[in-house]
Amino acid sequence: MRNCVFCAIAAGEAPAVIVREWPDALAVRPRSGGVHPGHVFVVPRVHVEDAGSDPEVTAAVMCRAAELMAGHPAVNLITSKGEAATQSVFHLHVHVVPRREGDGLPLPWTPQYTARSAAV
């Protein structure tokens, strides 16, 4: 797909820190470093717009993400479909975010987020 950064990474045409590779997917460190240590995203090597576009590709990507999750005692697994759900890159990607007790990373549906929002 033209102008898709994840397609360019998969094709070896754009720089990225690739953490792990499979025949059907890549695990890549976010350019920003991520929201937490160890944060990576898993992307399919083929262009699929989001998790609802191709269930077979989505299942394969989820399987690869599960392989990465197995190495951590606590992990968030996050994906989005559509702008209203905060999708900003329209190539399927699944965030694997390792967590630890008391790490301070609030997610919108948690008490930590509510407490942080109330303090602002």
C-alpha atoms as a PDB file:
ATOM      1  CA  MET A   1       0.000   0.000   0.000  1.00  0.00           C
ATOM      2  CA  ARG A   2       1.338   3.413  -0.907  1.00  0.00           C
ATOM      3  CA  ASN A   3       2.411   5.720   1.898  1.00  0.00           C
ATOM      4  CA  CYS A   4       1.852   3.141   4.638  1.00  0.00           C
ATOM      5  CA  VAL A   5       4.679   3.320   7.157  1.00  0.00           C
ATOM      6  CA  PHE A   6       4.074  -0.239   8.405  1.00  0.00           C
ATOM      7  CA  CYS A   7       4.138  -1.605   4.843  1.00  0.00           C
ATOM      8  CA  ALA A   8       7.412   0.250   4.307  1.00  0.00           C
ATOM      9  CA  ILE A   9       8.845  -1.232   7.513  1.00  0.00           C
ATOM     10  CA  ALA A  10       7.720  -4.732   6.502  1.00  0.00           C
ATOM     11  CA  ALA A  11       9.351  -4.260   3.083  1.00  0.00           C
ATOM     12  CA  GLY A  12      12.607  -3.074   4.675  1.00  0.00           C
ATOM     13  CA  GLU A  13      12.183   0.371   3.116  1.00  0.00           C
ATOM     14  CA  ALA A  14      11.752   2.362   6.342  1.00  0.00           C
ATOM     15  CA  PRO A  15      13.889   2.299   9.479  1.00  0.00           C
ATOM     16  CA  ALA A  16      12.582   0.504  12.543  1.00  0.00           C
ATOM     17  CA  VAL A  17      13.804  -1.365  15.574  1.00  0.00           C
ATOM     18  CA  ILE A  18      12.531  -4.852  14.867  1.00  0.00           C
ATOM     19  CA  VAL A  19      12.346  -6.870  18.069  1.00  0.00           C
ATOM     20  CA  ARG A  20      11.160 -10.143  16.534  1.00  0.00           C
ATOM     21  CA  GLU A  21      10.295 -11.444  13.080  1.00  0.00           C
ATOM     22  CA  TRP A  22       8.013 -14.183  11.817  1.00  0.00           C
ATOM     23  CA  PRO A  23       7.110 -15.115   8.230  1.00  0.00           C
ATOM     24  CA  ASP A  24       3.744 -13.347   8.608  1.00  0.00           C
ATOM     25  CA  ALA A  25       4.437 -10.525  11.096  1.00  0.00           C
ATOM     26  CA  LEU A  26       6.959  -8.243  12.804  1.00  0.00           C
ATOM     27  CA  ALA A  27       7.270  -6.963  16.355  1.00  0.00           C
ATOM     28  CA  VAL A  28       8.495  -3.370  16.242  1.00  0.00           C
ATOM     29  CA  ARG A  29       9.458  -0.894  18.950  1.00  0.00           C
ATOM     30  CA  PRO A  30       7.522   2.381  18.652  1.00  0.00           C
ATOM     31  CA  ARG A  31       9.694   5.257  17.424  1.00  0.00           C
ATOM     32  CA  SER A  32       8.739   7.232  20.523  1.00  0.00           C
ATOM     33  CA  GLY A  33      10.000   4.421  22.731  1.00  0.00           C
ATOM     34  CA  GLY A  34       6.459   3.499  23.683  1.00  0.00           C
ATOM     35  CA  VAL A  35       4.328   4.226  26.700  1.00  0.00           C
ATOM     36  CA  HIS A  36       6.155   1.795  28.958  1.00  0.00           C
ATOM     37  CA  PRO A  37       9.412  -0.193  28.907  1.00  0.00           C
ATOM     38  CA  GLY A  38       9.154  -3.185  26.581  1.00  0.00           C
ATOM     39  CA  HIS A  39       6.218  -1.742  24.594  1.00  0.00           C
ATOM     40  CA  VAL A  40       6.150  -3.143  21.051  1.00  0.00           C
ATOM     41  CA  PHE A  41       3.556  -3.430  18.359  1.00  0.00           C
ATOM     42  CA  VAL A  42       2.929  -6.446  16.182  1.00  0.00           C
ATOM     43  CA  VAL A  43       2.085  -5.778  12.536  1.00  0.00           C
ATOM     44  CA  PRO A  44       1.270  -8.163   9.701  1.00  0.00           C
ATOM     45  CA  ARG A  45       3.610  -8.147   6.734  1.00  0.00           C
ATOM     46  CA  VAL A  46       0.595  -7.695   4.425  1.00  0.00           C
ATOM     47  CA  HIS A  47      -1.503  -4.552   4.408  1.00  0.00           C
ATOM     48  CA  VAL A  48      -4.704  -4.977   6.398  1.00  0.00           C
ATOM     49  CA  GLU A  49      -6.402  -1.768   7.465  1.00  0.00           C
ATOM     50  CA  ASP A  50      -7.606  -2.868  10.918  1.00  0.00           C
ATOM     51  CA  ALA A  51      -8.518  -5.843  13.106  1.00  0.00           C
ATOM     52  CA  GLY A  52     -11.954  -6.145  11.515  1.00  0.00           C
ATOM     53  CA  SER A  53     -10.824  -6.191   7.887  1.00  0.00           C
ATOM     54  CA  ASP A  54      -9.338  -9.690   7.639  1.00  0.00           C
ATOM     55  CA  PRO A  55     -10.077 -12.104  10.502  1.00  0.00           C
ATOM     56  CA  GLU A  56      -7.426 -14.615   9.408  1.00  0.00           C
ATOM     57  CA  VAL A  57      -4.623 -12.045   9.359  1.00  0.00           C
ATOM     58  CA  THR A  58      -5.882 -10.592  12.648  1.00  0.00           C
ATOM     59  CA  ALA A  59      -5.846 -14.058  14.231  1.00  0.00           C
ATOM     60  CA  ALA A  60      -2.256 -14.617  13.078  1.00  0.00           C
ATOM     61  CA  VAL A  61      -1.163 -11.243  14.486  1.00  0.00           C
ATOM     62  CA  MET A  62      -2.914 -11.993  17.789  1.00  0.00           C
ATOM     63  CA  CYS A  63      -1.123 -15.347  17.920  1.00  0.00           C
ATOM     64  CA  ARG A  64       2.236 -13.602  17.486  1.00  0.00           C
ATOM     65  CA  ALA A  65       1.309 -11.054  20.154  1.00  0.00           C
ATOM     66  CA  ALA A  66       0.391 -13.930  22.496  1.00  0.00           C
ATOM     67  CA  GLU A  67       3.857 -15.408  21.958  1.00  0.00           C
ATOM     68  CA  LEU A  68       5.365 -12.134  23.156  1.00  0.00           C
ATOM     69  CA  MET A  69       2.935 -11.898  26.074  1.00  0.00           C
ATOM     70  CA  ALA A  70       3.992 -15.328  27.333  1.00  0.00           C
ATOM     71  CA  GLY A  71       7.315 -13.847  28.426  1.00  0.00           C
ATOM     72  CA  HIS A  72       5.725 -11.366  30.850  1.00  0.00           C
ATOM     73  CA  PRO A  73       3.655 -11.803  34.026  1.00  0.00           C
ATOM     74  CA  ALA A  74       1.357  -8.867  33.190  1.00  0.00           C
ATOM     75  CA  VAL A  75       0.604  -7.279  29.802  1.00  0.00           C
ATOM     76  CA  ASN A  76      -1.965  -5.081  28.083  1.00  0.00           C
ATOM     77  CA  LEU A  77      -2.862  -6.090  24.545  1.00  0.00           C
ATOM     78  CA  ILE A  78      -4.472  -3.192  22.663  1.00  0.00           C
ATOM     79  CA  THR A  79      -5.697  -2.561  19.127  1.00  0.00           C
ATOM     80  CA  SER A  80      -8.076  -0.005  17.642  1.00  0.00           C
ATOM     81  CA  LYS A  81     -10.390   0.127  14.628  1.00  0.00           C
ATOM     82  CA  GLY A  82     -11.289   3.525  13.242  1.00  0.00           C
ATOM     83  CA  GLU A  83     -10.536   7.114  14.148  1.00  0.00           C
ATOM     84  CA  ALA A  84     -13.270   7.229  16.804  1.00  0.00           C
ATOM     85  CA  ALA A  85     -11.426   4.368  18.555  1.00  0.00           C
ATOM     86  CA  THR A  86      -8.104   6.284  18.338  1.00  0.00           C
ATOM     87  CA  GLN A  87      -6.640   4.411  15.356  1.00  0.00           C
ATOM     88  CA  SER A  88      -4.100   6.762  13.800  1.00  0.00           C
ATOM     89  CA  VAL A  89      -2.179   4.419  11.481  1.00  0.00           C
ATOM     90  CA  PHE A  90      -4.496   2.477   9.203  1.00  0.00           C
ATOM     91  CA  HIS A  91      -2.518  -0.752   9.075  1.00  0.00           C
ATOM     92  CA  LEU A  92      -3.473  -3.399  11.617  1.00  0.00           C
ATOM     93  CA  HIS A  93      -1.215  -3.212  14.650  1.00  0.00           C
ATOM     94  CA  VAL A  94      -1.490  -4.677  18.123  1.00  0.00           C
ATOM     95  CA  HIS A  95       0.269  -3.006  21.025  1.00  0.00           C
ATOM     96  CA  VAL A  96       1.894  -5.350  23.541  1.00  0.00           C
ATOM     97  CA  VAL A  97       2.549  -3.327  26.697  1.00  0.00           C
ATOM     98  CA  PRO A  98       4.290  -5.131  29.578  1.00  0.00           C
ATOM     99  CA  ARG A  99       3.055  -3.971  32.985  1.00  0.00           C
ATOM    100  CA  ARG A 100       4.067  -4.206  36.620  1.00  0.00           C
ATOM    101  CA  GLU A 101       2.217  -3.469  39.823  1.00  0.00           C
ATOM    102  CA  GLY A 102       2.245   0.243  40.632  1.00  0.00           C
ATOM    103  CA  ASP A 103       3.790   1.278  37.298  1.00  0.00           C
ATOM    104  CA  GLY A 104       1.553   4.342  37.115  1.00  0.00           C
ATOM    105  CA  LEU A 105       0.386   3.804  33.543  1.00  0.00           C
ATOM    106  CA  PRO A 106      -3.311   4.681  33.579  1.00  0.00           C
ATOM    107  CA  LEU A 107      -5.725   3.299  31.014  1.00  0.00           C
ATOM    108  CA  PRO A 108      -9.074   5.035  30.475  1.00  0.00           C
ATOM    109  CA  TRP A 109     -11.127   2.281  32.099  1.00  0.00           C
ATOM    110  CA  THR A 110      -9.050   2.053  35.296  1.00  0.00           C
ATOM    111  CA  PRO A 111      -9.292   3.736  38.699  1.00  0.00           C
ATOM    112  CA  GLN A 112      -5.760   5.139  38.149  1.00  0.00           C
ATOM    113  CA  TYR A 113      -6.988   7.080  35.131  1.00  0.00           C
ATOM    114  CA  THR A 114      -9.997   8.415  37.020  1.00  0.00           C
ATOM    115  CA  ALA A 115      -7.765   9.533  39.908  1.00  0.00           C
ATOM    116  CA  ARG A 116      -5.251  11.180  37.569  1.00  0.00           C
ATOM    117  CA  SER A 117      -8.015  12.971  35.609  1.00  0.00           C
ATOM    118  CA  ALA A 118      -9.594  14.254  38.818  1.00  0.00           C
ATOM    119  CA  ALA A 119      -6.246  15.673  39.958  1.00  0.00           C
ATOM    120  CA  VAL A 120      -5.832  17.780  36.807  1.00  0.00           C
END
